[in-house]
Amino acid sequence: MDNLKNRVQDVLTREVGPALAMDGTKLEVLDVSNGCAQIRLGGVCGTCPSSIMAAVMGIEEILRQHVPEVEYVEASPLTSVLLTLRVRIELGPCDA
């Protein structure tokens, strides 16, 4: 795991994890590259598109404050890769 991905995971564990854990939502950092943090949400929030959007927007704001290299977040629920929700601020989707 590279240093940037570790930093993102540490911030999310510290700043976001406790709030998400209150309703059973799990968060996994898949990758961080080219200004994009790819995450996966599971549990209650991981199955509802509007909950995913709200969570991702909050996560993105916190990451941009603590890890300025992250410009936007791309989230994928655990339930299906087909339900991938992409959220962007200024750039296009992450390079896959």
Foldseek 3Di string as FASTA:
>chain_A
DDPLLVQLVVQCVPPPVVVCPVQPKDKDFDDDDPLETEMEIEDPLLPDVVSVVVSQVVSQVSCCVRPVSRQGYWYHYPPDNVPTDGDGDPDDDDDD
